[in-house]
Amino acid sequence: MKKVFTLFCLSALTFYGFSQVAMLKRDEFKSKVSTTDRGAYTKTGENIKKGLQVELGFDYEWTDSPSPLFTQRVMTPLEGRLRLGLSKYVELNFAMSNRQVKQDPQDKNSSFSTDRYAYWSPFEIAVRTQFIDSKKKSAADASLYLALSVNTTMRSAFNEDGTSRPYVLIDRPSYVTPEMALFVNHNMGKRMVFGYNLGLRWTGVAIDGPDSAKNPDLVYTIRVLTHVCEKIDLYAEHFNHVRVAHSPNMGINAGARFAATNKLVLDLNGGLGLNTTSSAGFAGAGLSYKLGK
């Protein structure tokens, strides 16, 4: 059912996009939805203009916990990214989010109690360099993304009563993990954009012993985006995070963006996981605001 839903979303957007391409000779169309990454797994290959852009959002995720005895809900009340355009083709990115986890026992009559905890994601610092520009007689935009995530010292592995904490809160020293990725957009006429990301991300998370923490995750995404009208974009995408010899974290995401003003974009998104190691479902909402020109 999930695969059918995925194919339907991608096919519908693709059909709509190509139907609009046929109208280009009569339609001098220009989208007013400004460049943003909010709500999407696929990052755009187009840098922002010189200045500062704030991207803020709220996300909710539901899934089974690592233990079959519990269900897990993850709320992200603050997911933030600052994009600082230093020049036409170079920008700095700073990102961080707060995650609040709630685990409920599957059996409401069991002796287990509800467990709650919260933590901050690693602080991400990145340089984004655009080396292909669609405004210069090219049908594509492409950027190289280089990032470092600073993982701060976590708390003790045990609560005051001696029970163990979830792995995300285990005490460990601060460390830094790198990421490198390629972000590409292909403009299929004025109203349709085919985009994809490909990269490697080191998380420092051990799966099969300490040495496995050195292995990177392969990250790739594919997206079809359609400019429905001047102020509305719709998109559907597939994402996959996989580490060698382990089940991937894969799923689909779809969303909408609305240009409230020439500087403010509002967004909604939601999606499904496609295997047992992914979230059962997720949804989010947010905004992007460009300061300056």
Protein backbone atom coordinates (compact mmCIF):
# COMPACT_ATOMS: atom_id res chain seq x y z
CA MET A 1 0.00 0.00 0.00
CA LYS A 2 2.84 2.39 0.87
CA LYS A 3 4.57 1.65 -2.43
CA VAL A 4 1.36 2.31 -4.35
CA PHE A 5 0.93 5.60 -2.49
CA THR A 6 4.52 6.57 -3.31
CA LEU A 7 4.12 5.83 -7.01
CA PHE A 8 0.82 7.70 -7.09
CA CYS A 9 2.31 10.87 -5.53
CA LEU A 10 5.35 10.90 -7.80
CA SER A 11 3.32 10.09 -10.93
CA ALA A 12 0.71 12.75 -10.21
CA LEU A 13 3.28 15.49 -9.67
CA THR A 14 5.30 14.39 -12.71
CA PHE A 15 2.21 14.39 -14.94
CA TYR A 16 1.17 17.81 -13.68
CA GLY A 17 4.64 19.24 -14.18
CA PHE A 18 4.97 18.02 -17.76
CA SER A 19 1.45 19.19 -18.60
CA GLN A 20 2.54 22.68 -17.55
CA VAL A 21 5.74 22.54 -19.61
CA ALA A 22 3.60 22.29 -22.74
CA MET A 23 2.09 25.71 -21.89
CA LEU A 24 5.38 27.60 -21.63
CA LYS A 25 5.08 29.45 -24.92
CA ARG A 26 1.86 31.05 -23.66
CA ASP A 27 2.84 31.29 -20.00
CA GLU A 28 5.54 33.67 -18.80
CA PHE A 29 5.56 32.06 -15.39
CA LYS A 30 7.83 32.94 -12.45
CA SER A 31 7.49 31.36 -9.01
CA LYS A 32 7.35 33.67 -5.99
CA VAL A 33 8.18 30.87 -3.51
CA SER A 34 11.69 31.68 -2.34
CA THR A 35 14.49 29.15 -1.84
CA THR A 36 14.13 27.10 1.36
CA ASP A 37 14.97 23.65 2.77
CA ARG A 38 12.25 23.67 5.47
CA GLY A 39 10.19 20.48 5.73
CA ALA A 40 12.02 18.54 3.01
CA TYR A 41 14.70 15.85 3.12
CA THR A 42 15.96 16.96 -0.31
CA LYS A 43 17.97 20.16 0.02
CA THR A 44 17.95 22.63 -2.83
CA GLY A 45 20.95 23.14 -5.08
CA GLU A 46 20.29 26.90 -5.14
CA ASN A 47 21.88 29.11 -2.49
CA ILE A 48 20.02 32.01 -0.90
CA LYS A 49 20.87 35.58 -1.83
CA LYS A 50 23.31 37.53 0.32
CA GLY A 51 21.85 38.04 3.80
CA LEU A 52 20.30 35.96 6.58
CA GLN A 53 17.44 33.45 6.31
CA VAL A 54 15.73 31.85 9.31
CA GLU A 55 14.02 28.46 8.89
CA LEU A 56 11.98 27.27 11.90
CA GLY A 57 9.62 24.35 12.30
CA PHE A 58 7.67 21.92 14.46
CA ASP A 59 7.68 18.16 13.80
CA TYR A 60 5.92 15.11 15.24
CA GLU A 61 6.93 11.49 14.69
CA TRP A 62 5.35 8.21 15.78
CA THR A 63 7.02 4.82 15.66
CA ASP A 64 7.68 1.63 17.58
CA SER A 65 10.47 1.98 20.12
CA PRO A 66 13.62 -0.18 19.98
CA SER A 67 11.85 -2.40 22.54
CA PRO A 68 8.71 -4.31 21.38
CA LEU A 69 7.15 -3.56 24.78
CA PHE A 70 6.73 0.15 24.04
CA THR A 71 5.40 2.59 21.46
CA GLN A 72 7.34 5.80 20.92
CA ARG A 73 6.35 9.35 20.03
CA VAL A 74 8.92 12.03 19.23
CA MET A 75 7.99 15.71 19.22
CA THR A 76 10.38 18.35 17.93
CA PRO A 77 9.01 21.67 19.19
CA LEU A 78 11.98 23.54 17.78
CA GLU A 79 13.83 22.64 14.60
CA GLY A 80 15.93 25.56 13.46
CA ARG A 81 18.35 26.44 10.70
CA LEU A 82 20.11 29.73 9.99
CA ARG A 83 21.41 30.30 6.47
CA LEU A 84 23.86 33.16 6.07
CA GLY A 85 24.58 34.17 2.49
CA LEU A 86 28.12 35.55 2.35
CA SER A 87 28.07 36.06 -1.41
CA LYS A 88 26.08 34.93 -4.43
CA TYR A 89 27.52 31.42 -4.32
CA VAL A 90 28.72 30.87 -0.74
CA GLU A 91 26.63 30.52 2.41
CA LEU A 92 27.06 29.27 5.97
CA ASN A 93 24.48 27.04 7.66
CA PHE A 94 23.85 26.54 11.39
CA ALA A 95 21.27 23.96 12.52
CA MET A 96 20.01 22.42 15.75
CA SER A 97 16.78 20.93 17.13
CA ASN A 98 15.25 19.92 20.44
CA ARG A 99 13.64 16.47 20.58
CA GLN A 100 11.20 15.29 23.25
CA VAL A 101 10.59 11.55 23.41
CA LYS A 102 7.68 9.73 25.06
CA GLN A 103 7.58 5.94 25.40
CA ASP A 104 4.32 4.24 26.42
CA PRO A 105 3.97 0.54 27.28
CA GLN A 106 2.14 -1.50 24.65
CA ASP A 107 0.17 -3.19 27.40
CA LYS A 108 -1.58 -0.51 29.45
CA ASN A 109 -2.03 -2.99 32.31
CA SER A 110 1.65 -3.89 32.54
CA SER A 111 3.98 -2.88 35.34
CA PHE A 112 5.93 -0.60 32.98
CA SER A 113 5.41 3.14 33.27
CA THR A 114 5.54 5.92 30.68
CA ASP A 115 9.08 7.17 30.07
CA ARG A 116 9.87 10.73 28.93
CA TYR A 117 13.17 12.35 28.07
CA ALA A 118 14.47 15.21 25.93
CA TYR A 119 17.75 16.05 24.24
CA TRP A 120 19.33 18.47 21.75
CA SER A 121 20.52 17.25 18.39
CA PRO A 122 24.18 17.82 17.47
CA PHE A 123 24.95 21.42 16.51
CA GLU A 124 25.62 21.49 12.78
CA ILE A 125 27.95 24.01 11.12
CA ALA A 126 28.26 23.90 7.33
CA VAL A 127 29.59 25.64 4.24
CA ARG A 128 27.46 25.50 1.12
CA THR A 129 29.05 26.41 -2.23
CA GLN A 130 26.96 26.69 -5.41
CA PHE A 131 28.99 25.87 -8.52
CA ILE A 132 26.23 25.60 -11.17
CA ASP A 133 23.68 28.40 -11.60
CA SER A 134 20.46 28.00 -13.61
CA LYS A 135 20.31 31.77 -14.07
CA LYS A 136 23.36 31.55 -16.34
CA LYS A 137 21.98 29.61 -19.32
CA SER A 138 21.94 26.31 -17.45
CA ALA A 139 18.98 24.07 -16.66
CA ALA A 140 20.43 23.08 -13.29
CA ASP A 141 21.54 24.36 -9.90
CA ALA A 142 24.12 22.44 -7.90
CA SER A 143 25.82 22.98 -4.54
CA LEU A 144 28.50 21.20 -2.55
CA TYR A 145 27.71 20.86 1.16
CA LEU A 146 30.44 20.32 3.79
CA ALA A 147 29.38 20.12 7.44
CA LEU A 148 30.64 19.35 10.92
CA SER A 149 28.25 18.26 13.70
CA VAL A 150 29.36 19.02 17.25
CA ASN A 151 28.08 16.39 19.69
CA THR A 152 28.12 17.76 23.23
CA THR A 153 28.73 15.74 26.38
CA MET A 154 25.67 13.68 27.34
CA ARG A 155 24.42 12.94 30.84
CA SER A 156 24.99 9.82 32.94
CA ALA A 157 23.89 6.46 31.56
CA PHE A 158 21.80 5.92 34.70
CA ASN A 159 18.95 7.71 36.41
CA GLU A 160 19.14 8.55 40.11
CA ASP A 161 17.19 5.38 40.97
CA GLY A 162 19.75 3.24 39.14
CA THR A 163 17.69 2.50 36.02
CA SER A 164 19.42 2.99 32.69
CA ARG A 165 18.75 5.90 30.38
CA PRO A 166 18.07 5.56 26.62
CA TYR A 167 21.22 5.45 24.51
CA VAL A 168 20.84 9.05 23.30
CA LEU A 169 21.44 10.28 26.84
CA ILE A 170 24.42 8.11 27.71
CA ASP A 171 27.42 9.99 29.09
CA ARG A 172 30.18 10.40 26.53
CA PRO A 173 32.81 13.01 25.66
CA SER A 174 32.21 15.72 23.09
CA TYR A 175 33.18 14.84 19.54
CA VAL A 176 32.77 16.10 15.99
CA THR A 177 31.41 14.18 12.99
CA PRO A 178 31.64 15.26 9.31
CA GLU A 179 29.20 15.23 6.42
CA MET A 180 29.66 15.87 2.72
CA ALA A 181 26.90 15.99 0.12
CA LEU A 182 25.93 17.12 -3.35
CA PHE A 183 22.61 18.99 -3.83
CA VAL A 184 21.26 19.21 -7.39
CA ASN A 185 18.12 20.68 -9.03
CA HIS A 186 17.16 20.15 -12.68
CA ASN A 187 14.58 22.63 -13.97
CA MET A 188 12.19 20.81 -16.32
CA GLY A 189 10.72 23.95 -17.83
CA LYS A 190 9.30 26.77 -15.72
CA ARG A 191 6.98 24.78 -13.48
CA MET A 192 8.73 21.52 -12.59
CA VAL A 193 11.96 20.77 -10.72
CA PHE A 194 13.60 17.36 -10.39
CA GLY A 195 16.06 17.30 -7.47
CA TYR A 196 18.31 14.85 -5.73
CA ASN A 197 20.91 14.72 -2.95
CA LEU A 198 23.77 12.28 -2.51
CA GLY A 199 26.19 12.26 0.41
CA LEU A 200 28.00 10.59 3.29
CA ARG A 201 27.22 11.36 6.93
CA TRP A 202 29.16 10.15 9.95
CA THR A 203 26.99 10.02 13.10
CA GLY A 204 29.35 8.44 15.63
CA VAL A 205 26.63 5.94 16.59
CA ALA A 206 27.94 2.42 17.26
CA ILE A 207 25.80 -0.44 15.91
CA ASP A 208 28.09 -3.49 16.00
CA GLY A 209 30.62 -2.47 18.62
CA PRO A 210 32.89 0.59 18.98
CA ASP A 211 34.52 0.26 15.56
CA SER A 212 31.18 0.54 13.73
CA ALA A 213 30.90 4.16 14.95
CA LYS A 214 33.54 5.03 12.36
CA ASN A 215 31.36 3.87 9.45
CA PRO A 216 29.37 6.53 7.56
CA ASP A 217 25.74 6.46 6.50
CA LEU A 218 25.03 6.77 2.77
CA VAL A 219 22.29 9.36 2.30
CA TYR A 220 20.34 9.90 -0.89
CA THR A 221 17.03 11.56 -1.78
CA ILE A 222 14.96 12.06 -4.93
CA ARG A 223 12.26 14.73 -5.29
CA VAL A 224 9.75 16.02 -7.82
CA LEU A 225 8.58 19.60 -7.13
CA THR A 226 5.87 21.46 -9.04
CA HIS A 227 5.12 25.18 -9.03
CA VAL A 228 1.32 24.92 -8.97
CA CYS A 229 0.96 28.68 -9.21
CA GLU A 230 3.09 31.72 -8.40
CA LYS A 231 2.67 31.35 -4.64
CA ILE A 232 2.29 27.57 -4.12
CA ASP A 233 4.74 24.68 -4.53
CA LEU A 234 3.93 20.98 -4.07
CA TYR A 235 6.52 18.22 -3.82
CA ALA A 236 6.93 14.49 -3.18
CA GLU A 237 10.21 12.76 -2.38
CA HIS A 238 11.88 9.50 -1.43
CA PHE A 239 14.68 9.44 1.15
CA ASN A 240 17.07 6.74 2.34
CA HIS A 241 19.78 6.67 5.04
CA VAL A 242 21.68 3.38 5.01
CA ARG A 243 24.77 1.96 6.67
CA VAL A 244 26.59 -1.02 5.17
CA ALA A 245 25.09 -4.40 6.21
CA HIS A 246 22.21 -2.78 8.13
CA SER A 247 18.56 -2.00 7.45
CA PRO A 248 18.07 1.45 5.93
CA ASN A 249 15.99 4.30 7.29
CA MET A 250 13.82 4.92 4.24
CA GLY A 251 10.49 6.53 3.49
CA ILE A 252 8.46 9.04 1.52
CA ASN A 253 7.60 12.65 2.28
CA ALA A 254 5.21 15.10 0.61
CA GLY A 255 4.66 18.76 1.30
CA ALA A 256 3.35 22.15 0.27
CA ARG A 257 4.85 25.63 0.46
CA PHE A 258 3.03 28.94 0.33
CA ALA A 259 4.64 32.33 -0.29
CA ALA A 260 2.81 34.59 2.19
CA THR A 261 5.03 37.51 1.16
CA ASN A 262 8.14 37.89 -0.96
CA LYS A 263 10.21 37.13 2.17
CA LEU A 264 7.98 34.73 4.16
CA VAL A 265 7.25 31.12 3.12
CA LEU A 266 4.95 28.82 5.14
CA ASP A 267 5.14 25.04 4.80
CA LEU A 268 3.39 21.77 5.68
CA ASN A 269 4.74 18.24 5.20
CA GLY A 270 4.03 14.64 6.15
CA GLY A 271 5.23 11.18 5.29
CA LEU A 272 5.55 7.46 5.99
CA GLY A 273 8.39 5.07 6.71
CA LEU A 274 8.75 2.17 4.27
CA ASN A 275 10.33 -0.44 6.55
CA THR A 276 10.40 -1.53 10.19
CA THR A 277 13.50 0.48 11.09
CA SER A 278 11.89 3.75 9.93
CA SER A 279 9.28 5.95 11.56
CA ALA A 280 5.71 4.73 11.07
CA GLY A 281 4.74 8.29 10.16
CA PHE A 282 5.63 11.94 10.68
CA ALA A 283 4.27 15.43 10.04
CA GLY A 284 5.53 18.97 10.36
CA ALA A 285 4.90 22.66 9.79
CA GLY A 286 7.14 25.68 9.70
CA LEU A 287 8.24 28.91 8.09
CA SER A 288 11.19 30.49 6.35
CA TYR A 289 11.92 34.21 6.56
CA LYS A 290 14.55 36.12 4.63
CA LEU A 291 16.09 39.15 6.33
CA GLY A 292 17.45 41.88 4.12
CA LYS A 293 17.05 41.88 0.33
